[in-house]
Amino acid sequence: MVVDSMGEMTTLRVMRQLLKEWTLPDEMRVSWNINNSGEVAYAEKRFLEYLADGWMAFSDEPRGRCQIFKFDPRLKRIVLVPPLGGG
């Protein structure tokens, strides 16, 4: 018996006043079924696009949140955080 496992990736909303120099896209949400290779490939493509633009990715799992650098379709939830300037 094959059990479907779903995952979700979303962008974190940040106050735009903190990011005056950045143009943020609208909220992005992608979900996938681990057994659907097309959905997994699309989610991984979007993940890599955001990381290439300087965003950080975090897994949001019951065991705790930690930064991730590689897409893992087994994760239930991935949160993307925009780059924050400062200094």
PDB file of N, CA and C in Angstrom:
ATOM      1  N   MET A   1       0.833  -1.180   0.000  1.00  0.00           N
ATOM      2  CA  MET A   1       0.000   0.000   0.000  1.00  0.00           C
ATOM      3  C   MET A   1       0.882   1.249   0.000  1.00  0.00           C
ATOM      4  N   VAL A   2       0.652   2.140  -0.938  1.00  0.00           N
ATOM      5  CA  VAL A   2       1.410   3.382  -1.035  1.00  0.00           C
ATOM      6  C   VAL A   2       0.648   4.476  -0.297  1.00  0.00           C
ATOM      7  N   VAL A   3       1.339   5.144   0.589  1.00  0.00           N
ATOM      8  CA  VAL A   3       0.725   6.230   1.350  1.00  0.00           C
ATOM      9  C   VAL A   3       1.182   7.547   0.745  1.00  0.00           C
ATOM     10  N   ASP A   4       0.213   8.397   0.419  1.00  0.00           N
ATOM     11  CA  ASP A   4       0.560   9.713  -0.121  1.00  0.00           C
ATOM     12  C   ASP A   4       1.092  10.590   1.000  1.00  0.00           C
ATOM     13  N   SER A   5       2.128  11.326   0.690  1.00  0.00           N
ATOM     14  CA  SER A   5       2.694  12.263   1.644  1.00  0.00           C
ATOM     15  C   SER A   5       2.742  13.623   0.981  1.00  0.00           C
ATOM     16  N   MET A   6       2.129  14.591   1.619  1.00  0.00           N
ATOM     17  CA  MET A   6       2.043  15.928   1.057  1.00  0.00           C
ATOM     18  C   MET A   6       3.022  16.862   1.748  1.00  0.00           C
ATOM     19  N   GLY A   7       3.540  17.807   0.988  1.00  0.00           N
ATOM     20  CA  GLY A   7       4.408  18.843   1.524  1.00  0.00           C
ATOM     21  C   GLY A   7       3.938  20.199   1.040  1.00  0.00           C
ATOM     22  N   GLU A   8       4.415  21.251   1.711  1.00  0.00           N
ATOM     23  CA  GLU A   8       4.026  22.612   1.354  1.00  0.00           C
ATOM     24  C   GLU A   8       5.219  23.544   1.546  1.00  0.00           C
ATOM     25  N   MET A   9       5.368  24.491   0.624  1.00  0.00           N
ATOM     26  CA  MET A   9       6.406  25.508   0.731  1.00  0.00           C
ATOM     27  C   MET A   9       5.712  26.859   0.597  1.00  0.00           C
ATOM     28  N   THR A  10       6.080  27.800   1.457  1.00  0.00           N
ATOM     29  CA  THR A  10       5.454  29.117   1.433  1.00  0.00           C
ATOM     30  C   THR A  10       6.489  30.187   1.764  1.00  0.00           C
ATOM     31  N   THR A  11       6.234  31.402   1.323  1.00  0.00           N
ATOM     32  CA  THR A  11       7.120  32.520   1.657  1.00  0.00           C
ATOM     33  C   THR A  11       6.629  33.161   2.947  1.00  0.00           C
ATOM     34  N   LEU A  12       7.550  33.688   3.703  1.00  0.00           N
ATOM     35  CA  LEU A  12       7.239  34.377   4.948  1.00  0.00           C
ATOM     36  C   LEU A  12       6.939  35.832   4.631  1.00  0.00           C
ATOM     37  N   ARG A  13       5.846  36.329   5.169  1.00  0.00           N
ATOM     38  CA  ARG A  13       5.508  37.742   4.971  1.00  0.00           C
ATOM     39  C   ARG A  13       6.349  38.578   5.930  1.00  0.00           C
ATOM     40  N   VAL A  14       6.967  39.611   5.395  1.00  0.00           N
ATOM     41  CA  VAL A  14       7.817  40.495   6.185  1.00  0.00           C
ATOM     42  C   VAL A  14       7.333  41.914   5.963  1.00  0.00           C
ATOM     43  N   MET A  15       7.426  42.724   7.000  1.00  0.00           N
ATOM     44  CA  MET A  15       7.009  44.124   6.846  1.00  0.00           C
ATOM     45  C   MET A  15       7.807  44.775   5.712  1.00  0.00           C
ATOM     46  N   ARG A  16       7.116  45.332   4.767  1.00  0.00           N
ATOM     47  CA  ARG A  16       7.783  45.931   3.613  1.00  0.00           C
ATOM     48  C   ARG A  16       8.674  47.107   3.992  1.00  0.00           C
ATOM     49  N   GLN A  17       8.417  47.746   5.136  1.00  0.00           N
ATOM     50  CA  GLN A  17       9.246  48.866   5.569  1.00  0.00           C
ATOM     51  C   GLN A  17      10.682  48.401   5.837  1.00  0.00           C
ATOM     52  N   LEU A  18      10.854  47.151   6.204  1.00  0.00           N
ATOM     53  CA  LEU A  18      12.192  46.633   6.466  1.00  0.00           C
ATOM     54  C   LEU A  18      12.957  46.356   5.183  1.00  0.00           C
ATOM     55  N   LEU A  19      12.234  46.273   4.080  1.00  0.00           N
ATOM     56  CA  LEU A  19      12.848  45.848   2.831  1.00  0.00           C
ATOM     57  C   LEU A  19      12.648  46.883   1.730  1.00  0.00           C
ATOM     58  N   LYS A  20      12.952  48.112   2.007  1.00  0.00           N
ATOM     59  CA  LYS A  20      12.704  49.190   1.052  1.00  0.00           C
ATOM     60  C   LYS A  20      13.430  48.992  -0.275  1.00  0.00           C
ATOM     61  N   GLU A  21      14.591  48.353  -0.235  1.00  0.00           N
ATOM     62  CA  GLU A  21      15.381  48.196  -1.453  1.00  0.00           C
ATOM     63  C   GLU A  21      14.985  46.961  -2.254  1.00  0.00           C
ATOM     64  N   TRP A  22      14.132  46.122  -1.721  1.00  0.00           N
ATOM     65  CA  TRP A  22      13.778  44.866  -2.376  1.00  0.00           C
ATOM     66  C   TRP A  22      12.352  44.931  -2.895  1.00  0.00           C
ATOM     67  N   THR A  23      12.138  44.359  -4.037  1.00  0.00           N
ATOM     68  CA  THR A  23      10.798  44.182  -4.550  1.00  0.00           C
ATOM     69  C   THR A  23      10.416  42.740  -4.249  1.00  0.00           C
ATOM     70  N   LEU A  24       9.478  42.572  -3.343  1.00  0.00           N
ATOM     71  CA  LEU A  24       9.078  41.226  -2.956  1.00  0.00           C
ATOM     72  C   LEU A  24       7.948  40.730  -3.840  1.00  0.00           C
ATOM     73  N   PRO A  25       8.001  39.462  -4.209  1.00  0.00           N
ATOM     74  CA  PRO A  25       6.888  38.896  -4.971  1.00  0.00           C
ATOM     75  C   PRO A  25       5.685  38.725  -4.039  1.00  0.00           C
ATOM     76  N   ASP A  26       4.533  38.524  -4.636  1.00  0.00           N
ATOM     77  CA  ASP A  26       3.366  38.198  -3.823  1.00  0.00           C
ATOM     78  C   ASP A  26       3.646  36.899  -3.090  1.00  0.00           C
ATOM     79  N   GLU A  27       2.837  36.648  -2.085  1.00  0.00           N
ATOM     80  CA  GLU A  27       3.025  35.421  -1.321  1.00  0.00           C
ATOM     81  C   GLU A  27       3.003  34.223  -2.272  1.00  0.00           C
ATOM     82  N   MET A  28       3.934  33.319  -2.087  1.00  0.00           N
ATOM     83  CA  MET A  28       4.047  32.130  -2.918  1.00  0.00           C
ATOM     84  C   MET A  28       3.739  30.914  -2.057  1.00  0.00           C
ATOM     85  N   ARG A  29       2.955  30.020  -2.604  1.00  0.00           N
ATOM     86  CA  ARG A  29       2.638  28.782  -1.903  1.00  0.00           C
ATOM     87  C   ARG A  29       2.635  27.656  -2.936  1.00  0.00           C
ATOM     88  N   VAL A  30       3.417  26.627  -2.684  1.00  0.00           N
ATOM     89  CA  VAL A  30       3.495  25.460  -3.560  1.00  0.00           C
ATOM     90  C   VAL A  30       3.287  24.230  -2.698  1.00  0.00           C
ATOM     91  N   SER A  31       2.457  23.331  -3.151  1.00  0.00           N
ATOM     92  CA  SER A  31       2.308  22.059  -2.445  1.00  0.00           C
ATOM     93  C   SER A  31       2.642  20.929  -3.416  1.00  0.00           C
ATOM     94  N   TRP A  32       3.020  19.789  -2.856  1.00  0.00           N
ATOM     95  CA  TRP A  32       3.386  18.658  -3.693  1.00  0.00           C
ATOM     96  C   TRP A  32       3.018  17.356  -2.996  1.00  0.00           C
ATOM     97  N   ASN A  33       2.823  16.357  -3.815  1.00  0.00           N
ATOM     98  CA  ASN A  33       2.650  14.990  -3.346  1.00  0.00           C
ATOM     99  C   ASN A  33       3.963  14.285  -3.649  1.00  0.00           C
ATOM    100  N   ILE A  34       4.572  13.679  -2.652  1.00  0.00           N
ATOM    101  CA  ILE A  34       5.887  13.062  -2.826  1.00  0.00           C
ATOM    102  C   ILE A  34       5.876  11.972  -3.902  1.00  0.00           C
ATOM    103  N   ASN A  35       4.698  11.423  -4.185  1.00  0.00           N
ATOM    104  CA  ASN A  35       4.585  10.376  -5.204  1.00  0.00           C
ATOM    105  C   ASN A  35       4.343  10.927  -6.604  1.00  0.00           C
ATOM    106  N   ASN A  36       4.269  12.252  -6.737  1.00  0.00           N
ATOM    107  CA  ASN A  36       4.044  12.885  -8.033  1.00  0.00           C
ATOM    108  C   ASN A  36       5.335  13.591  -8.446  1.00  0.00           C
ATOM    109  N   SER A  37       6.082  12.988  -9.343  1.00  0.00           N
ATOM    110  CA  SER A  37       7.397  13.522  -9.717  1.00  0.00           C
ATOM    111  C   SER A  37       7.316  14.905 -10.348  1.00  0.00           C
ATOM    112  N   GLY A  38       6.240  15.202 -11.061  1.00  0.00           N
ATOM    113  CA  GLY A  38       6.079  16.520 -11.657  1.00  0.00           C
ATOM    114  C   GLY A  38       5.906  17.605 -10.605  1.00  0.00           C
ATOM    115  N   GLU A  39       5.099  17.330  -9.582  1.00  0.00           N
ATOM    116  CA  GLU A  39       4.902  18.294  -8.503  1.00  0.00           C
ATOM    117  C   GLU A  39       6.188  18.499  -7.706  1.00  0.00           C
ATOM    118  N   VAL A  40       6.915  17.409  -7.453  1.00  0.00           N
ATOM    119  CA  VAL A  40       8.175  17.497  -6.713  1.00  0.00           C
ATOM    120  C   VAL A  40       9.196  18.303  -7.510  1.00  0.00           C
ATOM    121  N   ALA A  41       9.291  18.049  -8.820  1.00  0.00           N
ATOM    122  CA  ALA A  41      10.246  18.773  -9.661  1.00  0.00           C
ATOM    123  C   ALA A  41       9.924  20.271  -9.687  1.00  0.00           C
ATOM    124  N   TYR A  42       8.643  20.611  -9.788  1.00  0.00           N
ATOM    125  CA  TYR A  42       8.247  22.024  -9.800  1.00  0.00           C
ATOM    126  C   TYR A  42       8.584  22.693  -8.464  1.00  0.00           C
ATOM    127  N   ALA A  43       8.286  22.026  -7.352  1.00  0.00           N
ATOM    128  CA  ALA A  43       8.583  22.586  -6.034  1.00  0.00           C
ATOM    129  C   ALA A  43      10.086  22.785  -5.858  1.00  0.00           C
ATOM    130  N   GLU A  44      10.881  21.822  -6.305  1.00  0.00           N
ATOM    131  CA  GLU A  44      12.335  21.950  -6.186  1.00  0.00           C
ATOM    132  C   GLU A  44      12.850  23.098  -7.047  1.00  0.00           C
ATOM    133  N   LYS A  45      12.287  23.264  -8.244  1.00  0.00           N
ATOM    134  CA  LYS A  45      12.692  24.366  -9.127  1.00  0.00           C
ATOM    135  C   LYS A  45      12.425  25.712  -8.454  1.00  0.00           C
ATOM    136  N   ARG A  46      11.235  25.882  -7.878  1.00  0.00           N
ATOM    137  CA  ARG A  46      10.908  27.137  -7.199  1.00  0.00           C
ATOM    138  C   ARG A  46      11.818  27.354  -5.994  1.00  0.00           C
ATOM    139  N   PHE A  47      12.087  26.287  -5.225  1.00  0.00           N
ATOM    140  CA  PHE A  47      12.986  26.337  -4.072  1.00  0.00           C
ATOM    141  C   PHE A  47      14.347  26.882  -4.491  1.00  0.00           C
ATOM    142  N   LEU A  48      14.901  26.329  -5.556  1.00  0.00           N
ATOM    143  CA  LEU A  48      16.227  26.738  -6.029  1.00  0.00           C
ATOM    144  C   LEU A  48      16.216  28.173  -6.554  1.00  0.00           C
ATOM    145  N   GLU A  49      15.126  28.588  -7.193  1.00  0.00           N
ATOM    146  CA  GLU A  49      15.015  29.969  -7.671  1.00  0.00           C
ATOM    147  C   GLU A  49      15.082  30.951  -6.504  1.00  0.00           C
ATOM    148  N   TYR A  50      14.351  30.664  -5.453  1.00  0.00           N
ATOM    149  CA  TYR A  50      14.349  31.556  -4.298  1.00  0.00           C
ATOM    150  C   TYR A  50      15.713  31.582  -3.613  1.00  0.00           C
ATOM    151  N   LEU A  51      16.341  30.429  -3.455  1.00  0.00           N
ATOM    152  CA  LEU A  51      17.667  30.408  -2.829  1.00  0.00           C
ATOM    153  C   LEU A  51      18.675  31.177  -3.677  1.00  0.00           C
ATOM    154  N   ALA A  52      18.574  31.072  -4.999  1.00  0.00           N
ATOM    155  CA  ALA A  52      19.486  31.796  -5.893  1.00  0.00           C
ATOM    156  C   ALA A  52      19.302  33.307  -5.758  1.00  0.00           C
ATOM    157  N   ASP A  53      18.113  33.737  -5.358  1.00  0.00           N
ATOM    158  CA  ASP A  53      17.836  35.165  -5.156  1.00  0.00           C
ATOM    159  C   ASP A  53      18.183  35.631  -3.745  1.00  0.00           C
ATOM    160  N   GLY A  54      18.807  34.769  -2.961  1.00  0.00           N
ATOM    161  CA  GLY A  54      19.266  35.166  -1.633  1.00  0.00           C
ATOM    162  C   GLY A  54      18.329  34.826  -0.487  1.00  0.00           C
ATOM    163  N   TRP A  55      17.216  34.178  -0.778  1.00  0.00           N
ATOM    164  CA  TRP A  55      16.289  33.796   0.283  1.00  0.00           C
ATOM    165  C   TRP A  55      16.888  32.651   1.097  1.00  0.00           C
ATOM    166  N   MET A  56      16.428  32.502   2.332  1.00  0.00           N
ATOM    167  CA  MET A  56      16.833  31.379   3.181  1.00  0.00           C
ATOM    168  C   MET A  56      15.634  30.448   3.337  1.00  0.00           C
ATOM    169  N   ALA A  57      15.913  29.178   3.483  1.00  0.00           N
ATOM    170  CA  ALA A  57      14.854  28.181   3.630  1.00  0.00           C
ATOM    171  C   ALA A  57      14.979  27.491   4.986  1.00  0.00           C
ATOM    172  N   PHE A  58      13.833  27.271   5.598  1.00  0.00           N
ATOM    173  CA  PHE A  58      13.783  26.592   6.887  1.00  0.00           C
ATOM    174  C   PHE A  58      12.744  25.486   6.843  1.00  0.00           C
ATOM    175  N   SER A  59      13.092  24.357   7.431  1.00  0.00           N
ATOM    176  CA  SER A  59      12.083  23.316   7.605  1.00  0.00           C
ATOM    177  C   SER A  59      11.269  23.693   8.832  1.00  0.00           C
ATOM    178  N   ASP A  60      10.001  23.428   8.776  1.00  0.00           N
ATOM    179  CA  ASP A  60       9.113  23.735   9.899  1.00  0.00           C
ATOM    180  C   ASP A  60       8.497  22.409  10.335  1.00  0.00           C
ATOM    181  N   GLU A  61       9.287  21.639  11.053  1.00  0.00           N
ATOM    182  CA  GLU A  61       8.903  20.294  11.454  1.00  0.00           C
ATOM    183  C   GLU A  61       8.621  20.236  12.949  1.00  0.00           C
ATOM    184  N   PRO A  62       7.851  19.257  13.388  1.00  0.00           N
ATOM    185  CA  PRO A  62       7.558  19.112  14.821  1.00  0.00           C
ATOM    186  C   PRO A  62       8.813  19.027  15.700  1.00  0.00           C
ATOM    187  N   ARG A  63       9.883  18.468  15.172  1.00  0.00           N
ATOM    188  CA  ARG A  63      11.113  18.327  15.973  1.00  0.00           C
ATOM    189  C   ARG A  63      11.892  19.632  16.072  1.00  0.00           C
ATOM    190  N   GLY A  64      11.436  20.664  15.349  1.00  0.00           N
ATOM    191  CA  GLY A  64      12.087  21.970  15.421  1.00  0.00           C
ATOM    192  C   GLY A  64      12.355  22.557  14.053  1.00  0.00           C
ATOM    193  N   ARG A  65      12.613  23.843  14.051  1.00  0.00           N
ATOM    194  CA  ARG A  65      12.889  24.563  12.807  1.00  0.00           C
ATOM    195  C   ARG A  65      14.390  24.645  12.611  1.00  0.00           C
ATOM    196  N   CYS A  66      14.851  24.352  11.394  1.00  0.00           N
ATOM    197  CA  CYS A  66      16.271  24.497  11.102  1.00  0.00           C
ATOM    198  C   CYS A  66      16.441  24.916   9.646  1.00  0.00           C
ATOM    199  N   GLN A  67      17.540  25.611   9.379  1.00  0.00           N
ATOM    200  CA  GLN A  67      17.809  26.080   8.027  1.00  0.00           C
ATOM    201  C   GLN A  67      18.166  24.893   7.149  1.00  0.00           C
ATOM    202  N   ILE A  68      17.670  24.908   5.922  1.00  0.00           N
ATOM    203  CA  ILE A  68      17.982  23.850   4.962  1.00  0.00           C
ATOM    204  C   ILE A  68      18.585  24.484   3.712  1.00  0.00           C
ATOM    205  N   PHE A  69      19.418  23.715   3.046  1.00  0.00           N
ATOM    206  CA  PHE A  69      20.120  24.210   1.862  1.00  0.00           C
ATOM    207  C   PHE A  69      19.811  23.374   0.628  1.00  0.00           C
ATOM    208  N   LYS A  70      19.083  22.292   0.821  1.00  0.00           N
ATOM    209  CA  LYS A  70      18.743  21.380  -0.266  1.00  0.00           C
ATOM    210  C   LYS A  70      17.273  20.997  -0.130  1.00  0.00           C
ATOM    211  N   PHE A  71      16.575  20.984  -1.251  1.00  0.00           N
ATOM    212  CA  PHE A  71      15.162  20.624  -1.232  1.00  0.00           C
ATOM    213  C   PHE A  71      14.997  19.156  -0.856  1.00  0.00           C
ATOM    214  N   ASP A  72      14.107  18.895   0.074  1.00  0.00           N
ATOM    215  CA  ASP A  72      13.800  17.528   0.497  1.00  0.00           C
ATOM    216  C   ASP A  72      12.286  17.357   0.450  1.00  0.00           C
ATOM    217  N   PRO A  73      11.765  16.607  -0.530  1.00  0.00           N
ATOM    218  CA  PRO A  73      10.316  16.483  -0.675  1.00  0.00           C
ATOM    219  C   PRO A  73       9.647  15.762   0.491  1.00  0.00           C
ATOM    220  N   ARG A  74      10.422  15.133   1.361  1.00  0.00           N
ATOM    221  CA  ARG A  74       9.839  14.447   2.525  1.00  0.00           C
ATOM    222  C   ARG A  74       9.424  15.425   3.624  1.00  0.00           C
ATOM    223  N   LEU A  75       9.939  16.665   3.552  1.00  0.00           N
ATOM    224  CA  LEU A  75       9.564  17.657   4.553  1.00  0.00           C
ATOM    225  C   LEU A  75       8.100  18.040   4.373  1.00  0.00           C
ATOM    226  N   LYS A  76       7.411  18.198   5.473  1.00  0.00           N
ATOM    227  CA  LYS A  76       5.992  18.567   5.425  1.00  0.00           C
ATOM    228  C   LYS A  76       5.804  20.052   5.118  1.00  0.00           C
ATOM    229  N   ARG A  77       6.733  20.884   5.608  1.00  0.00           N
ATOM    230  CA  ARG A  77       6.573  22.325   5.396  1.00  0.00           C
ATOM    231  C   ARG A  77       7.939  22.995   5.297  1.00  0.00           C
ATOM    232  N   ILE A  78       8.093  23.831   4.283  1.00  0.00           N
ATOM    233  CA  ILE A  78       9.297  24.627   4.081  1.00  0.00           C
ATOM    234  C   ILE A  78       8.867  26.094   4.064  1.00  0.00           C
ATOM    235  N   VAL A  79       9.580  26.919   4.834  1.00  0.00           N
ATOM    236  CA  VAL A  79       9.289  28.356   4.894  1.00  0.00           C
ATOM    237  C   VAL A  79      10.471  29.090   4.287  1.00  0.00           C
ATOM    238  N   LEU A  80      10.194  29.961   3.317  1.00  0.00           N
ATOM    239  CA  LEU A  80      11.228  30.772   2.674  1.00  0.00           C
ATOM    240  C   LEU A  80      11.201  32.173   3.264  1.00  0.00           C
ATOM    241  N   VAL A  81      12.381  32.671   3.641  1.00  0.00           N
ATOM    242  CA  VAL A  81      12.509  33.972   4.283  1.00  0.00           C
ATOM    243  C   VAL A  81      13.331  34.878   3.368  1.00  0.00           C
ATOM    244  N   PRO A  82      12.835  36.087   3.080  1.00  0.00           N
ATOM    245  CA  PRO A  82      13.573  36.982   2.167  1.00  0.00           C
ATOM    246  C   PRO A  82      14.869  37.472   2.784  1.00  0.00           C
ATOM    247  N   PRO A  83      15.804  37.865   1.913  1.00  0.00           N
ATOM    248  CA  PRO A  83      17.056  38.422   2.424  1.00  0.00           C
ATOM    249  C   PRO A  83      16.783  39.761   3.095  1.00  0.00           C
ATOM    250  N   LEU A  84      17.372  39.948   4.249  1.00  0.00           N
ATOM    251  CA  LEU A  84      17.199  41.196   4.981  1.00  0.00           C
ATOM    252  C   LEU A  84      18.523  41.958   4.988  1.00  0.00           C
ATOM    253  N   GLY A  85      18.477  43.181   4.516  1.00  0.00           N
ATOM    254  CA  GLY A  85      19.668  44.016   4.538  1.00  0.00           C
ATOM    255  C   GLY A  85      19.839  44.620   5.918  1.00  0.00           C
ATOM    256  N   GLY A  86      20.965  45.112   6.163  1.00  0.00           N
ATOM    257  CA  GLY A  86      21.191  45.751   7.457  1.00  0.00           C
ATOM    258  C   GLY A  86      22.654  46.029   7.662  1.00  0.00           C
ATOM    259  N   GLY A  87      22.938  46.463   8.825  1.00  0.00           N
ATOM    260  CA  GLY A  87      24.349  46.652   9.077  1.00  0.00           C
ATOM    261  C   GLY A  87      24.679  47.847   9.856  1.00  0.00           C
TER     262      GLY A  87
END
